[in-house]
Amino acid sequence: MRLLIAEDEAGISDAVARGLRREGMAVDVAADGREALYKARFVDYDVVVLDRQLPEVHGDDVCRTLVDERPDTRILMLTAADRLDDLVGGLALGADDYLSKPFAFAELVARVRALGRRDGRTRPERMRRAGIELDPARHVASRDGRELDLSPKEFAVLRMLMEADGAVVSMQELLERGWDENADPWTNTVRMTIMTLRRKLSEPPVIETVKGAGYRI
């Protein structure tokens, strides 16, 4: 999952980003509403965790714009207020969920994962191809009945290749969807992840390299 954390309190955004990355998610951070809109217009985020009281551009305006321009992106709105009218107001703007500060990190993770499962894109609950079965909801993958011990990045790459249903997925797309903005575009991280994923999938090989284009299963 690719996320954007739009939060002006650096301590909160850094802690949340670190925690979500440990959960295997690719996370970018924006410190104000203007930066959040800029990044969301260039990256196809699955979920935006949006503080309502942002500087530069208010969180409400960011929410309205994203609902209009990025309807497939799910929005989890954060606020320091827990009054009913604040909750109703946030949802009326088009936010998909609402969480009051302070919050338990485990609850944030659960809500983000739930939003990611209903992100507006048509995806099968389970995917099967070339003897591989992948269950995104349970974060489980197997091949020919043998469960695979995959890292979060390996699982994410395998999921993207399975979702493509035989089409080629470029290295750039894998990098953009599986890693955050801090990833070096010239890095070998995608190739290394493909290499370890191939080893764990074992024989016969199922991930094909399409020269100059990318990878496919």
C-alpha atoms as a PDB file:
ATOM      1  CA  MET A   1       0.000   0.000   0.000  1.00  0.00           C
ATOM      2  CA  ARG A   2       1.228   3.540  -0.801  1.00  0.00           C
ATOM      3  CA  LEU A   3       0.231   6.150   1.771  1.00  0.00           C
ATOM      4  CA  LEU A   4       0.534   9.883   2.293  1.00  0.00           C
ATOM      5  CA  ILE A   5       0.658  11.269   5.846  1.00  0.00           C
ATOM      6  CA  ALA A   6      -0.411  14.944   5.789  1.00  0.00           C
ATOM      7  CA  GLU A   7       0.396  16.230   9.282  1.00  0.00           C
ATOM      8  CA  ASP A   8       2.109  19.448  10.390  1.00  0.00           C
ATOM      9  CA  GLU A   9       3.312  18.119  13.759  1.00  0.00           C
ATOM     10  CA  ALA A  10       6.644  16.559  12.834  1.00  0.00           C
ATOM     11  CA  GLY A  11       6.785  14.311  15.892  1.00  0.00           C
ATOM     12  CA  ILE A  12       3.447  12.716  15.028  1.00  0.00           C
ATOM     13  CA  SER A  13       4.081  12.361  11.292  1.00  0.00           C
ATOM     14  CA  ASP A  14       7.558  10.872  11.803  1.00  0.00           C
ATOM     15  CA  ALA A  15       6.348   8.360  14.401  1.00  0.00           C
ATOM     16  CA  VAL A  16       3.335   7.330  12.318  1.00  0.00           C
ATOM     17  CA  ALA A  17       5.415   7.025   9.133  1.00  0.00           C
ATOM     18  CA  ARG A  18       8.031   4.864  10.857  1.00  0.00           C
ATOM     19  CA  GLY A  19       5.375   2.605  12.334  1.00  0.00           C
ATOM     20  CA  LEU A  20       3.505   2.163   9.055  1.00  0.00           C
ATOM     21  CA  ARG A  21       6.736   1.405   7.210  1.00  0.00           C
ATOM     22  CA  ARG A  22       7.390  -1.351   9.737  1.00  0.00           C
ATOM     23  CA  GLU A  23       3.979  -2.709   8.729  1.00  0.00           C
ATOM     24  CA  GLY A  24       5.260  -3.018   5.151  1.00  0.00           C
ATOM     25  CA  MET A  25       3.624   0.107   3.738  1.00  0.00           C
ATOM     26  CA  ALA A  26       5.265   2.731   1.524  1.00  0.00           C
ATOM     27  CA  VAL A  27       4.785   6.092   3.231  1.00  0.00           C
ATOM     28  CA  ASP A  28       5.346   9.681   2.099  1.00  0.00           C
ATOM     29  CA  VAL A  29       4.936  12.711   4.375  1.00  0.00           C
ATOM     30  CA  ALA A  30       3.595  16.228   3.770  1.00  0.00           C
ATOM     31  CA  ALA A  31       3.927  19.014   6.367  1.00  0.00           C
ATOM     32  CA  ASP A  32       1.144  21.256   5.039  1.00  0.00           C
ATOM     33  CA  GLY A  33      -1.888  21.213   2.784  1.00  0.00           C
ATOM     34  CA  ARG A  34      -0.139  22.698  -0.228  1.00  0.00           C
ATOM     35  CA  GLU A  35       2.535  19.999  -0.155  1.00  0.00           C
ATOM     36  CA  ALA A  36      -0.113  17.306   0.363  1.00  0.00           C
ATOM     37  CA  LEU A  37      -2.013  18.387  -2.752  1.00  0.00           C
ATOM     38  CA  TYR A  38       1.183  18.615  -4.792  1.00  0.00           C
ATOM     39  CA  LYS A  39       2.230  15.074  -3.890  1.00  0.00           C
ATOM     40  CA  ALA A  40      -1.262  13.588  -4.251  1.00  0.00           C
ATOM     41  CA  ARG A  41      -1.527  14.953  -7.784  1.00  0.00           C
ATOM     42  CA  PHE A  42       1.624  13.118  -8.854  1.00  0.00           C
ATOM     43  CA  VAL A  43       1.332   9.868  -6.887  1.00  0.00           C
ATOM     44  CA  ASP A  44      -1.594   7.444  -6.942  1.00  0.00           C
ATOM     45  CA  TYR A  45      -1.938   6.945  -3.176  1.00  0.00           C
ATOM     46  CA  ASP A  46      -4.145   4.193  -1.801  1.00  0.00           C
ATOM     47  CA  VAL A  47      -4.842   6.083   1.431  1.00  0.00           C
ATOM     48  CA  VAL A  48      -4.212   9.644   2.612  1.00  0.00           C
ATOM     49  CA  VAL A  49      -4.052  10.152   6.384  1.00  0.00           C
ATOM     50  CA  LEU A  50      -5.095  13.796   6.558  1.00  0.00           C
ATOM     51  CA  ASP A  51      -4.882  16.122   9.551  1.00  0.00           C
ATOM     52  CA  ARG A  52      -7.820  18.498   9.430  1.00  0.00           C
ATOM     53  CA  GLN A  53      -5.935  21.524  10.806  1.00  0.00           C
ATOM     54  CA  LEU A  54      -3.192  21.897   8.209  1.00  0.00           C
ATOM     55  CA  PRO A  55      -1.367  25.166   7.446  1.00  0.00           C
ATOM     56  CA  GLU A  56      -1.104  26.725   3.971  1.00  0.00           C
ATOM     57  CA  VAL A  57      -4.192  24.875   2.684  1.00  0.00           C
ATOM     58  CA  HIS A  58      -6.740  23.747   5.263  1.00  0.00           C
ATOM     59  CA  GLY A  59      -7.348  20.010   5.573  1.00  0.00           C
ATOM     60  CA  ASP A  60     -10.990  20.501   4.609  1.00  0.00           C
ATOM     61  CA  ASP A  61      -9.964  22.044   1.296  1.00  0.00           C
ATOM     62  CA  VAL A  62      -7.415  19.307   0.703  1.00  0.00           C
ATOM     63  CA  CYS A  63     -10.146  16.734   1.308  1.00  0.00           C
ATOM     64  CA  ARG A  64     -12.584  18.400  -1.098  1.00  0.00           C
ATOM     65  CA  THR A  65      -9.924  18.601  -3.811  1.00  0.00           C
ATOM     66  CA  LEU A  66      -8.842  14.971  -3.428  1.00  0.00           C
ATOM     67  CA  VAL A  67     -12.428  13.741  -3.493  1.00  0.00           C
ATOM     68  CA  ASP A  68     -12.896  15.623  -6.770  1.00  0.00           C
ATOM     69  CA  GLU A  69      -9.545  14.834  -8.425  1.00  0.00           C
ATOM     70  CA  ARG A  70      -8.631  11.453  -6.898  1.00  0.00           C
ATOM     71  CA  PRO A  71     -11.913   9.641  -6.211  1.00  0.00           C
ATOM     72  CA  ASP A  72     -10.199   6.235  -5.839  1.00  0.00           C
ATOM     73  CA  THR A  73      -7.981   7.499  -3.008  1.00  0.00           C
ATOM     74  CA  ARG A  74      -9.343   6.796   0.464  1.00  0.00           C
ATOM     75  CA  ILE A  75      -9.074   9.533   3.095  1.00  0.00           C
ATOM     76  CA  LEU A  76      -8.656   8.996   6.829  1.00  0.00           C
ATOM     77  CA  MET A  77      -9.110  12.351   8.554  1.00  0.00           C
ATOM     78  CA  LEU A  78      -7.360  13.142  11.832  1.00  0.00           C
ATOM     79  CA  THR A  79      -8.467  15.827  14.263  1.00  0.00           C
ATOM     80  CA  ALA A  80      -7.798  16.906  17.833  1.00  0.00           C
ATOM     81  CA  ALA A  81     -11.541  17.301  18.350  1.00  0.00           C
ATOM     82  CA  ASP A  82     -13.866  14.408  19.118  1.00  0.00           C
ATOM     83  CA  ARG A  83     -17.204  16.196  19.021  1.00  0.00           C
ATOM     84  CA  LEU A  84     -19.982  14.647  16.963  1.00  0.00           C
ATOM     85  CA  ASP A  85     -20.344  17.728  14.741  1.00  0.00           C
ATOM     86  CA  ASP A  86     -16.634  17.558  13.854  1.00  0.00           C
ATOM     87  CA  LEU A  87     -16.985  13.897  12.909  1.00  0.00           C
ATOM     88  CA  VAL A  88     -20.080  14.537  10.812  1.00  0.00           C
ATOM     89  CA  GLY A  89     -18.447  17.564   9.195  1.00  0.00           C
ATOM     90  CA  GLY A  90     -15.360  15.597   8.203  1.00  0.00           C
ATOM     91  CA  LEU A  91     -17.359  12.768   6.670  1.00  0.00           C
ATOM     92  CA  ALA A  92     -19.618  15.253   4.888  1.00  0.00           C
ATOM     93  CA  LEU A  93     -16.548  16.602   3.080  1.00  0.00           C
ATOM     94  CA  GLY A  94     -15.989  13.160   1.579  1.00  0.00           C
ATOM     95  CA  ALA A  95     -13.547  11.601   4.046  1.00  0.00           C
ATOM     96  CA  ASP A  96     -13.930   7.824   4.278  1.00  0.00           C
ATOM     97  CA  ASP A  97     -13.060   7.522   7.953  1.00  0.00           C
ATOM     98  CA  TYR A  98     -12.302   9.706  10.949  1.00  0.00           C
ATOM     99  CA  LEU A  99      -9.923   9.314  13.898  1.00  0.00           C
ATOM    100  CA  SER A 100      -9.552  11.632  16.892  1.00  0.00           C
ATOM    101  CA  LYS A 101      -6.208  12.506  18.458  1.00  0.00           C
ATOM    102  CA  PRO A 102      -4.711  11.047  20.537  1.00  0.00           C
ATOM    103  CA  PHE A 103      -5.179   7.631  18.960  1.00  0.00           C
ATOM    104  CA  ALA A 104      -3.799   4.150  19.460  1.00  0.00           C
ATOM    105  CA  PHE A 105      -1.372   3.239  16.684  1.00  0.00           C
ATOM    106  CA  ALA A 106      -2.901  -0.242  16.367  1.00  0.00           C
ATOM    107  CA  GLU A 107      -6.274   1.352  15.630  1.00  0.00           C
ATOM    108  CA  LEU A 108      -4.732   3.592  12.973  1.00  0.00           C
ATOM    109  CA  VAL A 109      -3.135   0.574  11.273  1.00  0.00           C
ATOM    110  CA  ALA A 110      -6.419  -1.344  11.358  1.00  0.00           C
ATOM    111  CA  ARG A 111      -8.336   1.572   9.840  1.00  0.00           C
ATOM    112  CA  VAL A 112      -5.724   2.160   7.133  1.00  0.00           C
ATOM    113  CA  ARG A 113      -5.753  -1.520   6.164  1.00  0.00           C
ATOM    114  CA  ALA A 114      -9.563  -1.531   6.083  1.00  0.00           C
ATOM    115  CA  LEU A 115      -9.596   1.508   3.789  1.00  0.00           C
ATOM    116  CA  GLY A 116      -6.961  -0.086   1.574  1.00  0.00           C
ATOM    117  CA  ARG A 117      -9.211  -3.108   1.086  1.00  0.00           C
ATOM    118  CA  ARG A 118     -12.010  -0.894  -0.242  1.00  0.00           C
ATOM    119  CA  ASP A 119      -9.966   1.577  -2.274  1.00  0.00           C
ATOM    120  CA  GLY A 120     -12.368   1.717  -5.205  1.00  0.00           C
ATOM    121  CA  ARG A 121     -10.301  -0.422  -7.555  1.00  0.00           C
ATOM    122  CA  THR A 122     -11.653  -3.765  -8.695  1.00  0.00           C
ATOM    123  CA  ARG A 123      -9.441  -6.471  -7.211  1.00  0.00           C
ATOM    124  CA  PRO A 124     -10.199 -10.115  -6.482  1.00  0.00           C
ATOM    125  CA  GLU A 125     -10.222 -11.229  -2.847  1.00  0.00           C
ATOM    126  CA  ARG A 126      -7.804 -14.033  -3.732  1.00  0.00           C
ATOM    127  CA  MET A 127      -5.533 -14.307  -6.726  1.00  0.00           C
ATOM    128  CA  ARG A 128      -4.338 -17.516  -8.367  1.00  0.00           C
ATOM    129  CA  ARG A 129      -1.792 -17.878 -11.153  1.00  0.00           C
ATOM    130  CA  ALA A 130       0.931 -20.396 -12.076  1.00  0.00           C
ATOM    131  CA  GLY A 131       0.300 -22.410  -8.926  1.00  0.00           C
ATOM    132  CA  ILE A 132       0.572 -19.318  -6.735  1.00  0.00           C
ATOM    133  CA  GLU A 133      -2.300 -18.321  -4.451  1.00  0.00           C
ATOM    134  CA  LEU A 134      -2.245 -14.917  -2.800  1.00  0.00           C
ATOM    135  CA  ASP A 135      -4.677 -13.658  -0.151  1.00  0.00           C
ATOM    136  CA  PRO A 136      -4.142  -9.889   0.358  1.00  0.00           C
ATOM    137  CA  ALA A 137      -6.553  -9.602   3.283  1.00  0.00           C
ATOM    138  CA  ARG A 138      -4.745 -12.269   5.319  1.00  0.00           C
ATOM    139  CA  HIS A 139      -1.333 -11.328   3.888  1.00  0.00           C
ATOM    140  CA  VAL A 140      -0.671 -14.960   2.984  1.00  0.00           C
ATOM    141  CA  ALA A 141       0.864 -16.412  -0.170  1.00  0.00           C
ATOM    142  CA  SER A 142       1.563 -20.000  -1.198  1.00  0.00           C
ATOM    143  CA  ARG A 143       2.773 -21.965  -4.196  1.00  0.00           C
ATOM    144  CA  ASP A 144       1.485 -25.450  -4.888  1.00  0.00           C
ATOM    145  CA  GLY A 145       0.161 -25.588  -1.327  1.00  0.00           C
ATOM    146  CA  ARG A 146       3.476 -24.529   0.244  1.00  0.00           C
ATOM    147  CA  GLU A 147       3.199 -21.337   2.282  1.00  0.00           C
ATOM    148  CA  LEU A 148       5.766 -18.697   1.327  1.00  0.00           C
ATOM    149  CA  ASP A 149       7.747 -16.788   3.932  1.00  0.00           C
ATOM    150  CA  LEU A 150       7.846 -13.372   2.257  1.00  0.00           C
ATOM    151  CA  SER A 151       9.053  -9.998   3.475  1.00  0.00           C
ATOM    152  CA  PRO A 152       6.562  -7.086   3.185  1.00  0.00           C
ATOM    153  CA  LYS A 153       8.300  -5.817   0.017  1.00  0.00           C
ATOM    154  CA  GLU A 154       8.402  -9.274  -1.558  1.00  0.00           C
ATOM    155  CA  PHE A 155       4.699  -9.710  -0.830  1.00  0.00           C
ATOM    156  CA  ALA A 156       3.940  -6.274  -2.308  1.00  0.00           C
ATOM    157  CA  VAL A 157       5.860  -7.030  -5.513  1.00  0.00           C
ATOM    158  CA  LEU A 158       4.230 -10.442  -5.864  1.00  0.00           C
ATOM    159  CA  ARG A 159       0.814  -8.862  -5.362  1.00  0.00           C
ATOM    160  CA  MET A 160       1.439  -6.269  -8.090  1.00  0.00           C
ATOM    161  CA  LEU A 161       2.574  -8.952 -10.529  1.00  0.00           C
ATOM    162  CA  MET A 162      -0.448 -11.124  -9.702  1.00  0.00           C
ATOM    163  CA  GLU A 163      -2.855  -8.192 -10.077  1.00  0.00           C
ATOM    164  CA  ALA A 164      -1.444  -7.517 -13.553  1.00  0.00           C
ATOM    165  CA  ASP A 165      -2.855 -10.909 -14.638  1.00  0.00           C
ATOM    166  CA  GLY A 166      -0.118 -11.657 -17.147  1.00  0.00           C
ATOM    167  CA  ALA A 167       0.582  -8.099 -18.243  1.00  0.00           C
ATOM    168  CA  VAL A 168       4.056  -6.620 -17.901  1.00  0.00           C
ATOM    169  CA  VAL A 169       4.699  -4.430 -14.849  1.00  0.00           C
ATOM    170  CA  SER A 170       7.538  -1.968 -15.317  1.00  0.00           C
ATOM    171  CA  MET A 171      10.304  -1.522 -12.801  1.00  0.00           C
ATOM    172  CA  GLN A 172       9.236   2.118 -12.427  1.00  0.00           C
ATOM    173  CA  GLU A 173       5.709   1.107 -11.486  1.00  0.00           C
ATOM    174  CA  LEU A 174       6.968  -1.439  -8.972  1.00  0.00           C
ATOM    175  CA  LEU A 175       9.201   1.218  -7.429  1.00  0.00           C
ATOM    176  CA  GLU A 176       6.464   3.857  -7.313  1.00  0.00           C
ATOM    177  CA  ARG A 177       3.826   1.593  -5.795  1.00  0.00           C
ATOM    178  CA  GLY A 178       5.995  -0.510  -3.512  1.00  0.00           C
ATOM    179  CA  TRP A 179       8.456   2.059  -2.141  1.00  0.00           C
ATOM    180  CA  ASP A 180       8.129   5.622  -0.875  1.00  0.00           C
ATOM    181  CA  GLU A 181       9.501   8.911  -2.189  1.00  0.00           C
ATOM    182  CA  ASN A 182      12.843   8.367  -0.450  1.00  0.00           C
ATOM    183  CA  ALA A 183      13.662   5.415  -2.709  1.00  0.00           C
ATOM    184  CA  ASP A 184      16.520   6.094  -5.114  1.00  0.00           C
ATOM    185  CA  PRO A 185      15.190   5.635  -8.695  1.00  0.00           C
ATOM    186  CA  TRP A 186      18.620   4.311  -9.692  1.00  0.00           C
ATOM    187  CA  THR A 187      18.742   1.749  -6.918  1.00  0.00           C
ATOM    188  CA  ASN A 188      18.872  -2.010  -7.444  1.00  0.00           C
ATOM    189  CA  THR A 189      16.278  -2.605  -4.745  1.00  0.00           C
ATOM    190  CA  VAL A 190      13.582  -3.782  -7.183  1.00  0.00           C
ATOM    191  CA  ARG A 191      15.964  -6.200  -8.901  1.00  0.00           C
ATOM    192  CA  MET A 192      17.158  -7.533  -5.552  1.00  0.00           C
ATOM    193  CA  THR A 193      13.578  -8.018  -4.362  1.00  0.00           C
ATOM    194  CA  ILE A 194      12.691  -9.856  -7.587  1.00  0.00           C
ATOM    195  CA  MET A 195      15.781 -12.024  -7.143  1.00  0.00           C
ATOM    196  CA  THR A 196      14.890 -13.081  -3.578  1.00  0.00           C
ATOM    197  CA  LEU A 197      11.243 -13.537  -4.549  1.00  0.00           C
ATOM    198  CA  ARG A 198      12.242 -15.875  -7.387  1.00  0.00           C
ATOM    199  CA  ARG A 199      14.361 -17.892  -4.985  1.00  0.00           C
ATOM    200  CA  LYS A 200      11.487 -18.249  -2.509  1.00  0.00           C
ATOM    201  CA  LEU A 201       9.039 -19.217  -5.253  1.00  0.00           C
ATOM    202  CA  SER A 202      11.574 -21.903  -6.318  1.00  0.00           C
ATOM    203  CA  GLU A 203      11.325 -24.035  -9.455  1.00  0.00           C
ATOM    204  CA  PRO A 204       9.995 -23.928 -12.073  1.00  0.00           C
ATOM    205  CA  PRO A 205      10.570 -20.182 -12.642  1.00  0.00           C
ATOM    206  CA  VAL A 206       7.395 -18.104 -12.964  1.00  0.00           C
ATOM    207  CA  ILE A 207       8.610 -14.492 -12.948  1.00  0.00           C
ATOM    208  CA  GLU A 208       9.664 -13.575 -16.472  1.00  0.00           C
ATOM    209  CA  THR A 209      11.940 -10.640 -17.256  1.00  0.00           C
ATOM    210  CA  VAL A 210      10.735  -8.774 -20.339  1.00  0.00           C
ATOM    211  CA  LYS A 211      13.822  -6.962 -21.578  1.00  0.00           C
ATOM    212  CA  GLY A 212      13.409  -3.199 -21.598  1.00  0.00           C
ATOM    213  CA  ALA A 213       9.846  -3.439 -20.238  1.00  0.00           C
ATOM    214  CA  GLY A 214       9.659  -5.053 -16.817  1.00  0.00           C
ATOM    215  CA  TYR A 215       8.401  -8.280 -15.273  1.00  0.00           C
ATOM    216  CA  ARG A 216       5.359 -10.535 -15.484  1.00  0.00           C
ATOM    217  CA  ILE A 217       3.968 -13.795 -14.171  1.00  0.00           C
END
